[in-house]
Amino acid sequence: MQHRTVFEVMTHDVITAAPTTPFKEIARLFADHDVSAVPVVDADPIRVSVDDRVVRLVGRIDERADIPVIVRLCRSVDGVIALHESIAFAYDNLALDVEPPR
Protein backbone atom coordinates (compact mmCIF):
# COMPACT_ATOMS: atom_id res chain seq x y z
CA MET A 1 0.00 0.00 0.00
CA GLN A 2 1.43 3.35 -1.03
CA HIS A 3 1.03 6.23 1.42
CA ARG A 4 -0.18 9.59 0.19
CA THR A 5 1.45 12.79 1.36
CA VAL A 6 -0.22 15.51 3.40
CA PHE A 7 0.05 17.81 0.38
CA GLU A 8 -1.96 15.35 -1.73
CA VAL A 9 -4.88 15.13 0.70
CA MET A 10 -5.08 18.65 2.10
CA THR A 11 -7.35 21.36 0.75
CA HIS A 12 -5.30 24.17 -0.74
CA ASP A 13 -7.83 27.02 -0.90
CA VAL A 14 -9.81 26.65 2.31
CA ILE A 15 -13.06 28.60 2.62
CA THR A 16 -13.40 29.90 6.20
CA ALA A 17 -15.87 31.90 8.25
CA ALA A 18 -15.60 34.09 11.34
CA PRO A 19 -17.47 33.23 14.57
CA THR A 20 -19.80 36.13 13.86
CA THR A 21 -20.69 35.02 10.32
CA PRO A 22 -24.48 34.70 9.96
CA PHE A 23 -25.78 31.18 9.34
CA LYS A 24 -27.34 32.20 6.00
CA GLU A 25 -23.96 33.37 4.74
CA ILE A 26 -22.32 30.06 5.72
CA ALA A 27 -25.10 28.18 3.92
CA ARG A 28 -24.37 30.33 0.85
CA LEU A 29 -20.66 29.42 1.12
CA PHE A 30 -21.61 25.72 1.10
CA ALA A 31 -23.61 26.18 -2.08
CA ASP A 32 -21.31 28.64 -3.89
CA HIS A 33 -18.13 26.66 -3.29
CA ASP A 34 -19.56 23.12 -3.30
CA VAL A 35 -18.11 22.34 0.15
CA SER A 36 -19.55 20.38 3.05
CA ALA A 37 -17.56 22.06 5.81
CA VAL A 38 -16.41 25.59 6.56
CA PRO A 39 -13.85 25.98 9.36
CA VAL A 40 -14.69 28.79 11.77
CA VAL A 41 -11.61 30.83 12.63
CA ASP A 42 -11.26 33.91 14.77
CA ALA A 43 -9.02 36.93 14.36
CA ASP A 44 -5.85 35.17 15.48
CA PRO A 45 -6.00 31.68 13.98
CA ILE A 46 -3.11 29.31 13.90
CA ARG A 47 -1.65 29.41 10.43
CA VAL A 48 -0.52 26.07 9.07
CA SER A 49 1.97 25.67 6.26
CA VAL A 50 3.32 22.44 4.83
CA ASP A 51 6.52 22.27 2.83
CA ASP A 52 8.03 18.94 1.83
CA ARG A 53 6.08 17.09 4.58
CA VAL A 54 7.25 19.54 7.27
CA VAL A 55 4.40 21.30 9.11
CA ARG A 56 4.85 24.79 10.53
CA LEU A 57 2.31 26.21 13.00
CA VAL A 58 2.32 29.92 13.79
CA GLY A 59 -0.28 31.86 15.73
CA ARG A 60 -1.87 32.63 19.06
CA ILE A 61 -4.37 30.71 21.17
CA ASP A 62 -6.12 31.36 24.46
CA GLU A 63 -4.82 28.54 26.65
CA ARG A 64 -1.31 27.08 26.80
CA ALA A 65 -2.59 23.56 27.57
CA ASP A 66 -4.04 23.34 24.05
CA ILE A 67 -0.61 23.51 22.41
CA PRO A 68 0.43 19.88 23.08
CA VAL A 69 -2.94 18.67 21.81
CA ILE A 70 -2.59 20.65 18.57
CA VAL A 71 0.98 19.42 18.08
CA ARG A 72 0.04 15.79 18.77
CA LEU A 73 -2.85 15.92 16.29
CA CYS A 74 -0.66 17.41 13.56
CA ARG A 75 2.10 14.86 14.12
CA SER A 76 -0.43 12.02 13.87
CA VAL A 77 -1.20 12.90 10.23
CA ASP A 78 0.29 10.28 7.93
CA GLY A 79 3.17 11.72 5.92
CA VAL A 80 4.26 14.42 8.38
CA ILE A 81 7.99 14.01 9.02
CA ALA A 82 8.58 17.09 11.20
CA LEU A 83 6.65 19.82 12.95
CA HIS A 84 7.79 23.30 14.02
CA GLU A 85 5.49 25.39 16.17
CA SER A 86 5.57 28.99 17.22
CA ILE A 87 2.30 29.35 19.10
CA ALA A 88 1.80 32.08 21.67
CA PHE A 89 -0.89 31.91 24.35
CA ALA A 90 -2.90 34.43 26.33
CA TYR A 91 -3.25 32.40 29.53
CA ASP A 92 -0.88 29.86 31.07
CA ASN A 93 -3.36 27.34 32.40
CA LEU A 94 -0.52 24.91 33.12
CA ALA A 95 0.82 27.12 35.92
CA LEU A 96 -0.24 26.06 39.41
CA ASP A 97 -2.61 28.12 41.53
CA VAL A 98 -3.25 30.75 38.90
CA GLU A 99 -6.72 32.14 38.35
CA PRO A 100 -7.82 32.64 34.73
CA PRO A 101 -8.17 36.24 33.54
CA ARG A 102 -11.64 37.77 33.86
C-alpha atoms as a PDB file:
ATOM      1  CA  MET A   1       0.000   0.000   0.000  1.00  0.00           C
ATOM      2  CA  GLN A   2       1.431   3.354  -1.035  1.00  0.00           C
ATOM      3  CA  HIS A   3       1.033   6.226   1.419  1.00  0.00           C
ATOM      4  CA  ARG A   4      -0.182   9.589   0.189  1.00  0.00           C
ATOM      5  CA  THR A   5       1.447  12.790   1.358  1.00  0.00           C
ATOM      6  CA  VAL A   6      -0.219  15.514   3.397  1.00  0.00           C
ATOM      7  CA  PHE A   7       0.046  17.808   0.383  1.00  0.00           C
ATOM      8  CA  GLU A   8      -1.965  15.353  -1.726  1.00  0.00           C
ATOM      9  CA  VAL A   9      -4.878  15.129   0.703  1.00  0.00           C
ATOM     10  CA  MET A  10      -5.082  18.650   2.102  1.00  0.00           C
ATOM     11  CA  THR A  11      -7.347  21.356   0.746  1.00  0.00           C
ATOM     12  CA  HIS A  12      -5.305  24.168  -0.742  1.00  0.00           C
ATOM     13  CA  ASP A  13      -7.834  27.020  -0.903  1.00  0.00           C
ATOM     14  CA  VAL A  14      -9.810  26.652   2.313  1.00  0.00           C
ATOM     15  CA  ILE A  15     -13.058  28.596   2.615  1.00  0.00           C
ATOM     16  CA  THR A  16     -13.401  29.896   6.195  1.00  0.00           C
ATOM     17  CA  ALA A  17     -15.871  31.900   8.249  1.00  0.00           C
ATOM     18  CA  ALA A  18     -15.599  34.085  11.343  1.00  0.00           C
ATOM     19  CA  PRO A  19     -17.467  33.228  14.571  1.00  0.00           C
ATOM     20  CA  THR A  20     -19.802  36.132  13.862  1.00  0.00           C
ATOM     21  CA  THR A  21     -20.687  35.020  10.316  1.00  0.00           C
ATOM     22  CA  PRO A  22     -24.483  34.697   9.963  1.00  0.00           C
ATOM     23  CA  PHE A  23     -25.783  31.183   9.341  1.00  0.00           C
ATOM     24  CA  LYS A  24     -27.337  32.199   6.002  1.00  0.00           C
ATOM     25  CA  GLU A  25     -23.964  33.374   4.736  1.00  0.00           C
ATOM     26  CA  ILE A  26     -22.322  30.064   5.716  1.00  0.00           C
ATOM     27  CA  ALA A  27     -25.102  28.183   3.924  1.00  0.00           C
ATOM     28  CA  ARG A  28     -24.373  30.328   0.850  1.00  0.00           C
ATOM     29  CA  LEU A  29     -20.656  29.420   1.121  1.00  0.00           C
ATOM     30  CA  PHE A  30     -21.613  25.722   1.103  1.00  0.00           C
ATOM     31  CA  ALA A  31     -23.612  26.184  -2.080  1.00  0.00           C
ATOM     32  CA  ASP A  32     -21.311  28.641  -3.887  1.00  0.00           C
ATOM     33  CA  HIS A  33     -18.125  26.664  -3.292  1.00  0.00           C
ATOM     34  CA  ASP A  34     -19.559  23.124  -3.302  1.00  0.00           C
ATOM     35  CA  VAL A  35     -18.109  22.335   0.146  1.00  0.00           C
ATOM     36  CA  SER A  36     -19.547  20.376   3.050  1.00  0.00           C
ATOM     37  CA  ALA A  37     -17.556  22.056   5.813  1.00  0.00           C
ATOM     38  CA  VAL A  38     -16.409  25.586   6.561  1.00  0.00           C
ATOM     39  CA  PRO A  39     -13.846  25.984   9.363  1.00  0.00           C
ATOM     40  CA  VAL A  40     -14.692  28.785  11.767  1.00  0.00           C
ATOM     41  CA  VAL A  41     -11.611  30.829  12.628  1.00  0.00           C
ATOM     42  CA  ASP A  42     -11.262  33.911  14.769  1.00  0.00           C
ATOM     43  CA  ALA A  43      -9.022  36.935  14.358  1.00  0.00           C
ATOM     44  CA  ASP A  44      -5.852  35.166  15.478  1.00  0.00           C
ATOM     45  CA  PRO A  45      -5.996  31.682  13.982  1.00  0.00           C
ATOM     46  CA  ILE A  46      -3.107  29.313  13.899  1.00  0.00           C
ATOM     47  CA  ARG A  47      -1.651  29.411  10.431  1.00  0.00           C
ATOM     48  CA  VAL A  48      -0.516  26.067   9.074  1.00  0.00           C
ATOM     49  CA  SER A  49       1.969  25.674   6.256  1.00  0.00           C
ATOM     50  CA  VAL A  50       3.321  22.440   4.829  1.00  0.00           C
ATOM     51  CA  ASP A  51       6.522  22.269   2.834  1.00  0.00           C
ATOM     52  CA  ASP A  52       8.025  18.936   1.830  1.00  0.00           C
ATOM     53  CA  ARG A  53       6.079  17.091   4.575  1.00  0.00           C
ATOM     54  CA  VAL A  54       7.245  19.539   7.272  1.00  0.00           C
ATOM     55  CA  VAL A  55       4.400  21.297   9.108  1.00  0.00           C
ATOM     56  CA  ARG A  56       4.850  24.789  10.534  1.00  0.00           C
ATOM     57  CA  LEU A  57       2.310  26.205  13.004  1.00  0.00           C
ATOM     58  CA  VAL A  58       2.318  29.924  13.790  1.00  0.00           C
ATOM     59  CA  GLY A  59      -0.279  31.860  15.734  1.00  0.00           C
ATOM     60  CA  ARG A  60      -1.875  32.631  19.063  1.00  0.00           C
ATOM     61  CA  ILE A  61      -4.370  30.705  21.172  1.00  0.00           C
ATOM     62  CA  ASP A  62      -6.117  31.359  24.457  1.00  0.00           C
ATOM     63  CA  GLU A  63      -4.815  28.543  26.649  1.00  0.00           C
ATOM     64  CA  ARG A  64      -1.308  27.082  26.805  1.00  0.00           C
ATOM     65  CA  ALA A  65      -2.586  23.556  27.570  1.00  0.00           C
ATOM     66  CA  ASP A  66      -4.041  23.344  24.051  1.00  0.00           C
ATOM     67  CA  ILE A  67      -0.608  23.511  22.407  1.00  0.00           C
ATOM     68  CA  PRO A  68       0.435  19.879  23.083  1.00  0.00           C
ATOM     69  CA  VAL A  69      -2.936  18.669  21.810  1.00  0.00           C
ATOM     70  CA  ILE A  70      -2.591  20.653  18.573  1.00  0.00           C
ATOM     71  CA  VAL A  71       0.979  19.424  18.075  1.00  0.00           C
ATOM     72  CA  ARG A  72       0.042  15.789  18.771  1.00  0.00           C
ATOM     73  CA  LEU A  73      -2.853  15.915  16.292  1.00  0.00           C
ATOM     74  CA  CYS A  74      -0.658  17.409  13.563  1.00  0.00           C
ATOM     75  CA  ARG A  75       2.096  14.857  14.121  1.00  0.00           C
ATOM     76  CA  SER A  76      -0.427  12.021  13.866  1.00  0.00           C
ATOM     77  CA  VAL A  77      -1.200  12.899  10.226  1.00  0.00           C
ATOM     78  CA  ASP A  78       0.288  10.276   7.930  1.00  0.00           C
ATOM     79  CA  GLY A  79       3.169  11.718   5.916  1.00  0.00           C
ATOM     80  CA  VAL A  80       4.260  14.420   8.375  1.00  0.00           C
ATOM     81  CA  ILE A  81       7.985  14.013   9.023  1.00  0.00           C
ATOM     82  CA  ALA A  82       8.584  17.088  11.203  1.00  0.00           C
ATOM     83  CA  LEU A  83       6.655  19.822  12.951  1.00  0.00           C
ATOM     84  CA  HIS A  84       7.786  23.295  14.023  1.00  0.00           C
ATOM     85  CA  GLU A  85       5.492  25.393  16.171  1.00  0.00           C
ATOM     86  CA  SER A  86       5.566  28.988  17.223  1.00  0.00           C
ATOM     87  CA  ILE A  87       2.298  29.346  19.097  1.00  0.00           C
ATOM     88  CA  ALA A  88       1.797  32.084  21.670  1.00  0.00           C
ATOM     89  CA  PHE A  89      -0.887  31.906  24.347  1.00  0.00           C
ATOM     90  CA  ALA A  90      -2.896  34.426  26.331  1.00  0.00           C
ATOM     91  CA  TYR A  91      -3.246  32.402  29.527  1.00  0.00           C
ATOM     92  CA  ASP A  92      -0.880  29.862  31.066  1.00  0.00           C
ATOM     93  CA  ASN A  93      -3.364  27.344  32.401  1.00  0.00           C
ATOM     94  CA  LEU A  94      -0.521  24.912  33.119  1.00  0.00           C
ATOM     95  CA  ALA A  95       0.817  27.121  35.917  1.00  0.00           C
ATOM     96  CA  LEU A  96      -0.235  26.061  39.405  1.00  0.00           C
ATOM     97  CA  ASP A  97      -2.612  28.122  41.530  1.00  0.00           C
ATOM     98  CA  VAL A  98      -3.250  30.749  38.896  1.00  0.00           C
ATOM     99  CA  GLU A  99      -6.716  32.138  38.349  1.00  0.00           C
ATOM    100  CA  PRO A 100      -7.823  32.643  34.730  1.00  0.00           C
ATOM    101  CA  PRO A 101      -8.173  36.242  33.542  1.00  0.00           C
ATOM    102  CA  ARG A 102     -11.638  37.770  33.865  1.00  0.00           C
END
